[in-house]
Amino acid sequence: MRALHVSRPGGPEHLTVTDLPEPEAGAGQVVVRNEAVGLNFIDVYYRNGTYPTAYPFVPGQEGAGVVTAVGEGVEDFAPGDRVAYATQLGAYAEYTAVPAAKLVPVPDGVALTDAAAVLLQGLAAHYLSHTTHPVAPGETVVVLAAAGGLGQLLVQLAAHRGANVVAVASSEEKRQTALAAGAHHALPYEEFDTGVRDLTGGEGAHAVFDSVGAATFAASVRSLRRRGTLAVCGLSSGPVPPFDVELLRTAGSLYLTRPTLADHVPDAASLRSAASDLFGYVAAGVVRPDVLARLQLAEAARAHALLESRATTGKVLLTP
């Protein structure tokens, strides 16, 4: 089969197309013929060595396709089933062996390309808006990087749950993208905390979903009302520096969390329940995947360059 290899950490040029043996389904595994592979910024971290791993390896964490083989002990899936998966290295390939516990069924009303475009970021948007801070009607919530893959999905889900959604994005084009996704207001990063205060009559937001990190942390804190929640859900500008925990008291008895997918969907049952809910939103048109580009495996270097440019909106897919 054709796959992408990374032999040592480095730039996008280190993604090379190679021929590898087609994987076999071991005990508890399922082999998936990938029809679409979703790109995420974590793929860049693995490629450039920010997240260490053994080299060489096949990158990619998210895909959707059709089951071709099942291993011993697998009872929930059979050849021909439409499935998707996330958090499983090896997606940049024609075939991937996936633990059955990481697979979710894709319903007939959802295209496999849409499943690959939304699963990983969609599950994050789902737990952030349903569990980390269960968004309630009438609340004001702020979404940073609101035109990105996670940001647009958060905007869509928070608006669907009845919130007043304030999007923050770096350019007028991106702010228009966030408004089209369902945000009620869109602000630039410069003094966005002041903008949030103005929009809420000085009270501040009930929750801020901050995927930027170091560059925006202080303003995110200033954007919150008493007992508001700051969910740091990404670190695109770098990690948040250490701070005095008394800040949370003096800023209004705030809640701060750094949530992860593994703690919100820790097993197959919770994963499939959340994915079923997410795909239901897709089928109903509440969640609307925004696919920027569909590229071939041989174009992976270009795909990573698009990711790292931070100038794009929407999702990049590879078609093996």
C-alpha atoms as a PDB file:
ATOM      1  CA  MET A   1       0.000   0.000   0.000  1.00  0.00           C
ATOM      2  CA  ARG A   2       1.012   3.637  -0.386  1.00  0.00           C
ATOM      3  CA  ALA A   3       1.681   5.555   2.807  1.00  0.00           C
ATOM      4  CA  LEU A   4       3.547   8.573   4.069  1.00  0.00           C
ATOM      5  CA  HIS A   5       6.664   8.105   6.144  1.00  0.00           C
ATOM      6  CA  VAL A   6       8.513  10.473   8.437  1.00  0.00           C
ATOM      7  CA  SER A   7      12.044   9.167   8.953  1.00  0.00           C
ATOM      8  CA  ARG A   8      13.299  11.961  11.218  1.00  0.00           C
ATOM      9  CA  PRO A   9      11.877  15.177  12.695  1.00  0.00           C
ATOM     10  CA  GLY A  10      11.789  18.221  10.464  1.00  0.00           C
ATOM     11  CA  GLY A  11       9.746  20.290   8.044  1.00  0.00           C
ATOM     12  CA  PRO A  12       6.977  19.304   5.604  1.00  0.00           C
ATOM     13  CA  GLU A  13       9.593  18.041   3.139  1.00  0.00           C
ATOM     14  CA  HIS A  14      10.214  15.119   5.515  1.00  0.00           C
ATOM     15  CA  LEU A  15       6.860  13.626   4.521  1.00  0.00           C
ATOM     16  CA  THR A  16       7.726  11.049   1.861  1.00  0.00           C
ATOM     17  CA  VAL A  17       5.469   8.667  -0.035  1.00  0.00           C
ATOM     18  CA  THR A  18       6.551   5.056   0.313  1.00  0.00           C
ATOM     19  CA  ASP A  19       5.256   1.517  -0.244  1.00  0.00           C
ATOM     20  CA  LEU A  20       4.553  -0.487   2.899  1.00  0.00           C
ATOM     21  CA  PRO A  21       2.972  -3.894   3.521  1.00  0.00           C
ATOM     22  CA  GLU A  22      -0.779  -3.716   3.943  1.00  0.00           C
ATOM     23  CA  PRO A  23      -1.500  -4.146   7.666  1.00  0.00           C
ATOM     24  CA  GLU A  24      -3.133  -7.249   9.085  1.00  0.00           C
ATOM     25  CA  ALA A  25      -5.842  -7.228  11.733  1.00  0.00           C
ATOM     26  CA  GLY A  26      -4.365  -8.394  15.016  1.00  0.00           C
ATOM     27  CA  ALA A  27      -6.411  -9.435  18.008  1.00  0.00           C
ATOM     28  CA  GLY A  28      -8.882  -6.683  18.837  1.00  0.00           C
ATOM     29  CA  GLN A  29      -8.034  -4.749  15.689  1.00  0.00           C
ATOM     30  CA  VAL A  30      -9.861  -3.737  12.532  1.00  0.00           C
ATOM     31  CA  VAL A  31      -8.262  -2.865   9.189  1.00  0.00           C
ATOM     32  CA  VAL A  32      -9.814   0.210   7.566  1.00  0.00           C
ATOM     33  CA  ARG A  33      -9.446   1.187   3.902  1.00  0.00           C
ATOM     34  CA  ASN A  34      -9.180   4.949   4.320  1.00  0.00           C
ATOM     35  CA  GLU A  35     -11.355   7.014   2.000  1.00  0.00           C
ATOM     36  CA  ALA A  36     -10.544  10.328   3.695  1.00  0.00           C
ATOM     37  CA  VAL A  37      -7.950  11.381   6.260  1.00  0.00           C
ATOM     38  CA  GLY A  38      -8.296  14.498   8.382  1.00  0.00           C
ATOM     39  CA  LEU A  39      -5.295  16.730   9.071  1.00  0.00           C
ATOM     40  CA  ASN A  40      -4.844  18.291  12.504  1.00  0.00           C
ATOM     41  CA  PHE A  41      -2.147  20.490  13.988  1.00  0.00           C
ATOM     42  CA  ILE A  42      -1.068  17.643  16.253  1.00  0.00           C
ATOM     43  CA  ASP A  43       0.227  15.989  13.048  1.00  0.00           C
ATOM     44  CA  VAL A  44       2.682  18.870  12.701  1.00  0.00           C
ATOM     45  CA  TYR A  45       3.830  18.400  16.307  1.00  0.00           C
ATOM     46  CA  TYR A  46       4.583  14.731  15.640  1.00  0.00           C
ATOM     47  CA  ARG A  47       6.336  15.495  12.348  1.00  0.00           C
ATOM     48  CA  ASN A  48       8.597  18.238  13.702  1.00  0.00           C
ATOM     49  CA  GLY A  49       9.478  16.426  16.921  1.00  0.00           C
ATOM     50  CA  THR A  50       7.522  18.577  19.380  1.00  0.00           C
ATOM     51  CA  TYR A  51       5.751  15.369  20.407  1.00  0.00           C
ATOM     52  CA  PRO A  52       8.484  12.691  20.433  1.00  0.00           C
ATOM     53  CA  THR A  53       7.789   9.312  18.877  1.00  0.00           C
ATOM     54  CA  ALA A  54       9.768   6.433  17.393  1.00  0.00           C
ATOM     55  CA  TYR A  55      11.038   7.015  13.845  1.00  0.00           C
ATOM     56  CA  PRO A  56      10.230   6.142  11.137  1.00  0.00           C
ATOM     57  CA  PHE A  57       6.467   6.326  11.511  1.00  0.00           C
ATOM     58  CA  VAL A  58       3.281   6.933   9.538  1.00  0.00           C
ATOM     59  CA  PRO A  59       1.617  10.132  10.807  1.00  0.00           C
ATOM     60  CA  GLY A  60      -2.045  11.062  10.968  1.00  0.00           C
ATOM     61  CA  GLN A  61      -4.606  10.621  13.730  1.00  0.00           C
ATOM     62  CA  GLU A  62      -8.012  10.775  12.050  1.00  0.00           C
ATOM     63  CA  GLY A  63      -9.664   8.935   9.179  1.00  0.00           C
ATOM     64  CA  ALA A  64     -12.836   7.421   7.800  1.00  0.00           C
ATOM     65  CA  GLY A  65     -13.386   4.510   5.464  1.00  0.00           C
ATOM     66  CA  VAL A  66     -14.613   0.947   5.089  1.00  0.00           C
ATOM     67  CA  VAL A  67     -13.688  -2.108   7.148  1.00  0.00           C
ATOM     68  CA  THR A  68     -11.785  -4.734   5.147  1.00  0.00           C
ATOM     69  CA  ALA A  69     -10.786  -7.190   7.896  1.00  0.00           C
ATOM     70  CA  VAL A  70     -11.388  -7.821  11.585  1.00  0.00           C
ATOM     71  CA  GLY A  71      -9.133  -9.551  14.091  1.00  0.00           C
ATOM     72  CA  GLU A  72      -9.798 -12.119  16.757  1.00  0.00           C
ATOM     73  CA  GLY A  73     -12.263 -11.001  19.403  1.00  0.00           C
ATOM     74  CA  VAL A  74     -13.834  -8.189  17.374  1.00  0.00           C
ATOM     75  CA  GLU A  75     -17.618  -8.504  17.449  1.00  0.00           C
ATOM     76  CA  ASP A  76     -18.893  -4.959  16.871  1.00  0.00           C
ATOM     77  CA  PHE A  77     -17.628  -4.543  13.287  1.00  0.00           C
ATOM     78  CA  ALA A  78     -17.580  -6.557  10.069  1.00  0.00           C
ATOM     79  CA  PRO A  79     -16.105  -6.119   6.580  1.00  0.00           C
ATOM     80  CA  GLY A  80     -18.032  -3.502   4.645  1.00  0.00           C
ATOM     81  CA  ASP A  81     -18.957  -1.368   7.655  1.00  0.00           C
ATOM     82  CA  ARG A  82     -18.512   2.400   7.323  1.00  0.00           C
ATOM     83  CA  VAL A  83     -16.375   3.643  10.203  1.00  0.00           C
ATOM     84  CA  ALA A  84     -14.259   6.518  11.463  1.00  0.00           C
ATOM     85  CA  TYR A  85     -11.512   6.836  14.043  1.00  0.00           C
ATOM     86  CA  ALA A  86      -9.360   9.406  15.824  1.00  0.00           C
ATOM     87  CA  THR A  87      -6.278   9.505  18.085  1.00  0.00           C
ATOM     88  CA  GLN A  88      -4.709   6.572  16.217  1.00  0.00           C
ATOM     89  CA  LEU A  89      -1.341   7.116  14.556  1.00  0.00           C
ATOM     90  CA  GLY A  90      -0.997   5.755  11.036  1.00  0.00           C
ATOM     91  CA  ALA A  91      -3.856   7.429   9.168  1.00  0.00           C
ATOM     92  CA  TYR A  92      -1.731   8.807   6.299  1.00  0.00           C
ATOM     93  CA  ALA A  93      -2.016   5.572   4.371  1.00  0.00           C
ATOM     94  CA  GLU A  94      -4.334   3.588   2.142  1.00  0.00           C
ATOM     95  CA  TYR A  95      -5.024   1.148   4.999  1.00  0.00           C
ATOM     96  CA  THR A  96      -4.749   1.494   8.781  1.00  0.00           C
ATOM     97  CA  ALA A  97      -5.028  -1.118  11.527  1.00  0.00           C
ATOM     98  CA  VAL A  98      -7.121   0.428  14.306  1.00  0.00           C
ATOM     99  CA  PRO A  99      -8.052  -0.934  17.744  1.00  0.00           C
ATOM    100  CA  ALA A 100     -11.770  -1.703  17.630  1.00  0.00           C
ATOM    101  CA  ALA A 101     -12.242   0.367  20.805  1.00  0.00           C
ATOM    102  CA  LYS A 102     -11.229   3.503  18.856  1.00  0.00           C
ATOM    103  CA  LEU A 103     -13.672   2.932  15.985  1.00  0.00           C
ATOM    104  CA  VAL A 104     -17.096   4.543  15.672  1.00  0.00           C
ATOM    105  CA  PRO A 105     -19.826   3.644  13.166  1.00  0.00           C
ATOM    106  CA  VAL A 106     -20.645   6.269  10.536  1.00  0.00           C
ATOM    107  CA  PRO A 107     -24.402   6.437   9.881  1.00  0.00           C
ATOM    108  CA  ASP A 108     -25.738   6.343   6.331  1.00  0.00           C
ATOM    109  CA  GLY A 109     -26.762   9.995   6.494  1.00  0.00           C
ATOM    110  CA  VAL A 110     -23.166  11.179   6.946  1.00  0.00           C
ATOM    111  CA  ALA A 111     -20.592  11.151   4.136  1.00  0.00           C
ATOM    112  CA  LEU A 112     -17.251   9.558   4.976  1.00  0.00           C
ATOM    113  CA  THR A 113     -15.488  12.762   3.964  1.00  0.00           C
ATOM    114  CA  ASP A 114     -17.595  14.690   6.478  1.00  0.00           C
ATOM    115  CA  ALA A 115     -16.862  12.097   9.159  1.00  0.00           C
ATOM    116  CA  ALA A 116     -13.119  12.497   8.567  1.00  0.00           C
ATOM    117  CA  ALA A 117     -13.487  16.280   8.580  1.00  0.00           C
ATOM    118  CA  VAL A 118     -15.267  16.561  11.926  1.00  0.00           C
ATOM    119  CA  LEU A 119     -14.513  13.615  14.188  1.00  0.00           C
ATOM    120  CA  LEU A 120     -11.459  14.714  16.180  1.00  0.00           C
ATOM    121  CA  GLN A 121     -12.214  18.431  16.390  1.00  0.00           C
ATOM    122  CA  GLY A 122     -15.944  17.748  16.571  1.00  0.00           C
ATOM    123  CA  LEU A 123     -15.540  15.499  19.603  1.00  0.00           C
ATOM    124  CA  ALA A 124     -13.507  18.279  21.237  1.00  0.00           C
ATOM    125  CA  ALA A 125     -16.150  20.886  20.403  1.00  0.00           C
ATOM    126  CA  HIS A 126     -18.805  18.513  21.740  1.00  0.00           C
ATOM    127  CA  TYR A 127     -17.217  17.928  25.150  1.00  0.00           C
ATOM    128  CA  LEU A 128     -16.220  21.584  25.520  1.00  0.00           C
ATOM    129  CA  SER A 129     -19.767  22.826  24.915  1.00  0.00           C
ATOM    130  CA  HIS A 130     -21.668  19.927  26.511  1.00  0.00           C
ATOM    131  CA  THR A 131     -19.503  18.820  29.455  1.00  0.00           C
ATOM    132  CA  THR A 132     -16.554  21.116  30.229  1.00  0.00           C
ATOM    133  CA  HIS A 133     -18.969  24.052  30.270  1.00  0.00           C
ATOM    134  CA  PRO A 134     -22.513  22.943  29.403  1.00  0.00           C
ATOM    135  CA  VAL A 135     -23.584  25.933  27.347  1.00  0.00           C
ATOM    136  CA  ALA A 136     -27.047  27.155  28.348  1.00  0.00           C
ATOM    137  CA  PRO A 137     -29.556  29.349  26.495  1.00  0.00           C
ATOM    138  CA  GLY A 138     -28.933  33.042  27.026  1.00  0.00           C
ATOM    139  CA  GLU A 139     -25.315  32.696  28.109  1.00  0.00           C
ATOM    140  CA  THR A 140     -22.535  34.670  26.476  1.00  0.00           C
ATOM    141  CA  VAL A 141     -19.581  32.535  25.392  1.00  0.00           C
ATOM    142  CA  VAL A 142     -16.386  33.612  23.651  1.00  0.00           C
ATOM    143  CA  VAL A 143     -14.629  31.439  21.059  1.00  0.00           C
ATOM    144  CA  LEU A 144     -11.048  32.317  20.128  1.00  0.00           C
ATOM    145  CA  ALA A 145      -9.597  31.281  16.759  1.00  0.00           C
ATOM    146  CA  ALA A 146     -13.237  31.092  15.776  1.00  0.00           C
ATOM    147  CA  ALA A 147     -12.625  30.598  12.041  1.00  0.00           C
ATOM    148  CA  GLY A 148     -10.425  27.530  12.519  1.00  0.00           C
ATOM    149  CA  GLY A 149     -11.535  23.922  12.421  1.00  0.00           C
ATOM    150  CA  LEU A 150     -12.293  23.614  16.141  1.00  0.00           C
ATOM    151  CA  GLY A 151     -13.461  27.209  16.390  1.00  0.00           C
ATOM    152  CA  GLN A 152     -16.163  26.948  13.730  1.00  0.00           C
ATOM    153  CA  LEU A 153     -17.530  23.749  15.260  1.00  0.00           C
ATOM    154  CA  LEU A 154     -17.624  25.346  18.718  1.00  0.00           C
ATOM    155  CA  VAL A 155     -19.434  28.356  17.309  1.00  0.00           C
ATOM    156  CA  GLN A 156     -22.010  26.106  15.638  1.00  0.00           C
ATOM    157  CA  LEU A 157     -22.683  23.989  18.724  1.00  0.00           C
ATOM    158  CA  ALA A 158     -22.763  26.909  21.169  1.00  0.00           C
ATOM    159  CA  ALA A 159     -25.169  28.851  18.933  1.00  0.00           C
ATOM    160  CA  HIS A 160     -27.357  25.765  18.561  1.00  0.00           C
ATOM    161  CA  ARG A 161     -27.535  25.502  22.356  1.00  0.00           C
ATOM    162  CA  GLY A 162     -28.882  29.043  22.530  1.00  0.00           C
ATOM    163  CA  ALA A 163     -25.805  31.022  23.542  1.00  0.00           C
ATOM    164  CA  ASN A 164     -24.858  34.528  22.493  1.00  0.00           C
ATOM    165  CA  VAL A 165     -21.597  33.656  20.720  1.00  0.00           C
ATOM    166  CA  VAL A 166     -18.758  36.154  20.486  1.00  0.00           C
ATOM    167  CA  ALA A 167     -16.116  35.095  17.967  1.00  0.00           C
ATOM    168  CA  VAL A 168     -12.530  36.344  18.052  1.00  0.00           C
ATOM    169  CA  ALA A 169     -10.402  36.072  14.902  1.00  0.00           C
ATOM    170  CA  SER A 170      -7.370  37.775  13.401  1.00  0.00           C
ATOM    171  CA  SER A 171      -8.715  39.182  10.127  1.00  0.00           C
ATOM    172  CA  GLU A 172     -11.918  40.593   8.725  1.00  0.00           C
ATOM    173  CA  GLU A 173     -12.191  37.606   6.384  1.00  0.00           C
ATOM    174  CA  LYS A 174     -11.913  35.192   9.300  1.00  0.00           C
ATOM    175  CA  ARG A 175     -14.416  37.178  11.337  1.00  0.00           C
ATOM    176  CA  GLN A 176     -16.886  36.947   8.466  1.00  0.00           C
ATOM    177  CA  THR A 177     -16.290  33.173   8.371  1.00  0.00           C
ATOM    178  CA  ALA A 178     -17.109  32.952  12.081  1.00  0.00           C
ATOM    179  CA  LEU A 179     -20.273  35.011  11.622  1.00  0.00           C
ATOM    180  CA  ALA A 180     -21.322  32.725   8.764  1.00  0.00           C
ATOM    181  CA  ALA A 181     -20.805  29.748  11.104  1.00  0.00           C
ATOM    182  CA  GLY A 182     -23.350  31.230  13.513  1.00  0.00           C
ATOM    183  CA  ALA A 183     -21.525  33.707  15.761  1.00  0.00           C
ATOM    184  CA  HIS A 184     -23.555  36.738  16.804  1.00  0.00           C
ATOM    185  CA  HIS A 185     -20.586  39.083  17.166  1.00  0.00           C
ATOM    186  CA  ALA A 186     -17.002  39.039  15.868  1.00  0.00           C
ATOM    187  CA  LEU A 187     -14.053  40.872  17.375  1.00  0.00           C
ATOM    188  CA  PRO A 188     -10.357  41.275  16.524  1.00  0.00           C
ATOM    189  CA  TYR A 189      -7.771  40.076  19.056  1.00  0.00           C
ATOM    190  CA  GLU A 190      -6.747  43.622  19.979  1.00  0.00           C
ATOM    191  CA  GLU A 191      -8.485  44.417  23.299  1.00  0.00           C
ATOM    192  CA  PHE A 192     -11.112  41.746  22.722  1.00  0.00           C
ATOM    193  CA  ASP A 193     -11.720  41.659  26.480  1.00  0.00           C
ATOM    194  CA  THR A 194     -12.904  45.257  26.320  1.00  0.00           C
ATOM    195  CA  GLY A 195     -15.174  44.340  23.416  1.00  0.00           C
ATOM    196  CA  VAL A 196     -16.671  41.450  25.383  1.00  0.00           C
ATOM    197  CA  ARG A 197     -17.299  43.723  28.362  1.00  0.00           C
ATOM    198  CA  ASP A 198     -18.985  46.286  26.103  1.00  0.00           C
ATOM    199  CA  LEU A 199     -21.231  43.625  24.542  1.00  0.00           C
ATOM    200  CA  THR A 200     -22.306  42.328  27.963  1.00  0.00           C
ATOM    201  CA  GLY A 201     -22.973  45.614  29.714  1.00  0.00           C
ATOM    202  CA  GLY A 202     -19.770  45.281  31.707  1.00  0.00           C
ATOM    203  CA  GLU A 203     -20.583  41.860  33.158  1.00  0.00           C
ATOM    204  CA  GLY A 204     -18.350  39.648  31.014  1.00  0.00           C
ATOM    205  CA  ALA A 205     -18.832  36.222  29.483  1.00  0.00           C
ATOM    206  CA  HIS A 206     -19.976  33.022  31.136  1.00  0.00           C
ATOM    207  CA  ALA A 207     -17.231  31.050  29.381  1.00  0.00           C
ATOM    208  CA  VAL A 208     -14.205  31.587  27.161  1.00  0.00           C
ATOM    209  CA  PHE A 209     -12.874  28.791  24.956  1.00  0.00           C
ATOM    210  CA  ASP A 210      -9.234  29.731  24.379  1.00  0.00           C
ATOM    211  CA  SER A 211      -7.221  27.621  21.923  1.00  0.00           C
ATOM    212  CA  VAL A 212      -4.456  30.229  21.563  1.00  0.00           C
ATOM    213  CA  GLY A 213      -2.835  30.033  24.988  1.00  0.00           C
ATOM    214  CA  ALA A 214       0.034  32.291  26.045  1.00  0.00           C
ATOM    215  CA  ALA A 215      -0.806  35.334  23.911  1.00  0.00           C
ATOM    216  CA  THR A 216      -4.456  35.549  24.968  1.00  0.00           C
ATOM    217  CA  PHE A 217      -4.633  34.074  28.473  1.00  0.00           C
ATOM    218  CA  ALA A 218      -4.675  37.384  30.365  1.00  0.00           C
ATOM    219  CA  ALA A 219      -7.331  38.913  28.102  1.00  0.00           C
ATOM    220  CA  SER A 220      -9.409  35.735  28.336  1.00  0.00           C
ATOM    221  CA  VAL A 221      -9.373  36.041  32.136  1.00  0.00           C
ATOM    222  CA  ARG A 222     -10.416  39.701  31.885  1.00  0.00           C
ATOM    223  CA  SER A 223     -13.308  38.724  29.588  1.00  0.00           C
ATOM    224  CA  LEU A 224     -15.062  36.599  32.215  1.00  0.00           C
ATOM    225  CA  ARG A 225     -17.827  37.483  34.638  1.00  0.00           C
ATOM    226  CA  ARG A 226     -17.901  36.357  38.247  1.00  0.00           C
ATOM    227  CA  ARG A 227     -17.566  32.580  38.500  1.00  0.00           C
ATOM    228  CA  GLY A 228     -16.969  32.330  34.759  1.00  0.00           C
ATOM    229  CA  THR A 229     -15.107  29.437  33.156  1.00  0.00           C
ATOM    230  CA  LEU A 230     -11.924  29.630  31.124  1.00  0.00           C
ATOM    231  CA  ALA A 231     -11.315  26.454  29.111  1.00  0.00           C
ATOM    232  CA  VAL A 232      -7.807  26.458  27.630  1.00  0.00           C
ATOM    233  CA  CYS A 233      -8.280  24.077  24.696  1.00  0.00           C
ATOM    234  CA  GLY A 234      -5.132  24.731  22.679  1.00  0.00           C
ATOM    235  CA  LEU A 235      -1.743  26.397  22.801  1.00  0.00           C
ATOM    236  CA  SER A 236      -1.152  27.693  19.282  1.00  0.00           C
ATOM    237  CA  SER A 237       0.822  30.685  20.612  1.00  0.00           C
ATOM    238  CA  GLY A 238       2.706  28.619  23.191  1.00  0.00           C
ATOM    239  CA  PRO A 239       2.074  27.362  26.727  1.00  0.00           C
ATOM    240  CA  VAL A 240       0.579  29.650  29.359  1.00  0.00           C
ATOM    241  CA  PRO A 241       3.340  30.877  31.718  1.00  0.00           C
ATOM    242  CA  PRO A 242       3.084  30.035  35.425  1.00  0.00           C
ATOM    243  CA  PHE A 243       0.817  32.396  37.365  1.00  0.00           C
ATOM    244  CA  ASP A 244      -0.339  33.011  40.919  1.00  0.00           C
ATOM    245  CA  VAL A 245      -3.523  31.047  41.558  1.00  0.00           C
ATOM    246  CA  GLU A 246      -4.807  34.061  43.529  1.00  0.00           C
ATOM    247  CA  LEU A 247      -5.554  35.587  40.120  1.00  0.00           C
ATOM    248  CA  LEU A 248      -8.609  33.341  39.898  1.00  0.00           C
ATOM    249  CA  ARG A 249      -9.931  34.736  43.185  1.00  0.00           C
ATOM    250  CA  THR A 250      -9.298  38.382  42.462  1.00  0.00           C
ATOM    251  CA  ALA A 251     -10.728  38.127  38.933  1.00  0.00           C
ATOM    252  CA  GLY A 252     -14.069  36.853  40.235  1.00  0.00           C
ATOM    253  CA  SER A 253     -13.765  33.330  41.688  1.00  0.00           C
ATOM    254  CA  LEU A 254     -13.104  31.959  38.214  1.00  0.00           C
ATOM    255  CA  TYR A 255     -12.904  28.353  37.064  1.00  0.00           C
ATOM    256  CA  LEU A 256      -9.916  27.316  34.926  1.00  0.00           C
ATOM    257  CA  THR A 257      -9.582  23.995  33.117  1.00  0.00           C
ATOM    258  CA  ARG A 258      -7.265  22.411  30.555  1.00  0.00           C
ATOM    259  CA  PRO A 259      -9.483  19.562  29.286  1.00  0.00           C
ATOM    260  CA  THR A 260      -8.511  16.629  27.076  1.00  0.00           C
ATOM    261  CA  LEU A 261     -10.459  14.218  24.909  1.00  0.00           C
ATOM    262  CA  ALA A 262      -9.107  11.172  26.749  1.00  0.00           C
ATOM    263  CA  ASP A 263     -10.667  12.328  30.020  1.00  0.00           C
ATOM    264  CA  HIS A 264     -14.057  13.076  28.451  1.00  0.00           C
ATOM    265  CA  VAL A 265     -14.374   9.917  26.337  1.00  0.00           C
ATOM    266  CA  PRO A 266     -12.221   7.429  28.264  1.00  0.00           C
ATOM    267  CA  ASP A 267     -13.712   4.234  26.814  1.00  0.00           C
ATOM    268  CA  ALA A 268     -15.418   2.810  23.725  1.00  0.00           C
ATOM    269  CA  ALA A 269     -18.939   3.315  25.079  1.00  0.00           C
ATOM    270  CA  SER A 270     -18.476   7.020  25.854  1.00  0.00           C
ATOM    271  CA  LEU A 271     -16.617   7.568  22.565  1.00  0.00           C
ATOM    272  CA  ARG A 272     -19.391   6.025  20.491  1.00  0.00           C
ATOM    273  CA  SER A 273     -22.070   7.879  22.410  1.00  0.00           C
ATOM    274  CA  ALA A 274     -20.383  11.240  21.806  1.00  0.00           C
ATOM    275  CA  ALA A 275     -19.682  10.384  18.143  1.00  0.00           C
ATOM    276  CA  SER A 276     -23.300   9.343  17.623  1.00  0.00           C
ATOM    277  CA  ASP A 277     -24.427  12.685  19.039  1.00  0.00           C
ATOM    278  CA  LEU A 278     -21.915  14.538  16.846  1.00  0.00           C
ATOM    279  CA  PHE A 279     -22.903  12.694  13.668  1.00  0.00           C
ATOM    280  CA  GLY A 280     -26.534  13.406  14.509  1.00  0.00           C
ATOM    281  CA  TYR A 281     -25.682  17.101  14.486  1.00  0.00           C
ATOM    282  CA  VAL A 282     -23.951  16.643  11.113  1.00  0.00           C
ATOM    283  CA  ALA A 283     -26.944  14.818   9.614  1.00  0.00           C
ATOM    284  CA  ALA A 284     -29.275  17.550  10.901  1.00  0.00           C
ATOM    285  CA  GLY A 285     -27.134  20.336   9.455  1.00  0.00           C
ATOM    286  CA  VAL A 286     -26.269  21.818  12.856  1.00  0.00           C
ATOM    287  CA  VAL A 287     -22.588  20.943  12.389  1.00  0.00           C
ATOM    288  CA  ARG A 288     -21.456  21.907   8.906  1.00  0.00           C
ATOM    289  CA  PRO A 289     -17.981  20.690   7.923  1.00  0.00           C
ATOM    290  CA  ASP A 290     -15.927  23.340   6.146  1.00  0.00           C
ATOM    291  CA  VAL A 291     -13.482  21.483   3.896  1.00  0.00           C
ATOM    292  CA  LEU A 292     -10.839  23.842   2.561  1.00  0.00           C
ATOM    293  CA  ALA A 293      -8.966  21.344   0.379  1.00  0.00           C
ATOM    294  CA  ARG A 294      -8.867  17.659  -0.571  1.00  0.00           C
ATOM    295  CA  LEU A 295      -5.368  16.611  -1.540  1.00  0.00           C
ATOM    296  CA  GLN A 296      -3.631  13.388  -2.540  1.00  0.00           C
ATOM    297  CA  LEU A 297      -1.058  11.650  -0.329  1.00  0.00           C
ATOM    298  CA  ALA A 298       1.743  12.965  -2.529  1.00  0.00           C
ATOM    299  CA  GLU A 299       0.581  16.506  -1.698  1.00  0.00           C
ATOM    300  CA  ALA A 300       0.983  16.062   2.068  1.00  0.00           C
ATOM    301  CA  ALA A 301       3.859  18.550   2.264  1.00  0.00           C
ATOM    302  CA  ARG A 302       1.586  21.198   0.765  1.00  0.00           C
ATOM    303  CA  ALA A 303      -1.161  20.180   3.175  1.00  0.00           C
ATOM    304  CA  HIS A 304       1.143  20.654   6.174  1.00  0.00           C
ATOM    305  CA  ALA A 305       2.315  23.990   4.816  1.00  0.00           C
ATOM    306  CA  LEU A 306      -1.340  25.073   4.696  1.00  0.00           C
ATOM    307  CA  LEU A 307      -1.808  24.017   8.312  1.00  0.00           C
ATOM    308  CA  GLU A 308       1.295  25.817   9.501  1.00  0.00           C
ATOM    309  CA  SER A 309       0.500  29.024   7.623  1.00  0.00           C
ATOM    310  CA  ARG A 310      -2.409  29.697  10.017  1.00  0.00           C
ATOM    311  CA  ALA A 311      -3.800  31.784   7.168  1.00  0.00           C
ATOM    312  CA  THR A 312      -6.504  29.282   6.278  1.00  0.00           C
ATOM    313  CA  THR A 313      -9.939  28.380   7.585  1.00  0.00           C
ATOM    314  CA  GLY A 314     -11.686  25.027   7.546  1.00  0.00           C
ATOM    315  CA  LYS A 315     -10.372  21.482   7.236  1.00  0.00           C
ATOM    316  CA  VAL A 316      -7.722  19.937   5.006  1.00  0.00           C
ATOM    317  CA  LEU A 317      -8.294  16.320   3.946  1.00  0.00           C
ATOM    318  CA  LEU A 318      -6.009  13.762   2.320  1.00  0.00           C
ATOM    319  CA  THR A 319      -7.463  11.246  -0.120  1.00  0.00           C
ATOM    320  CA  PRO A 320      -5.286   8.070  -0.042  1.00  0.00           C
END
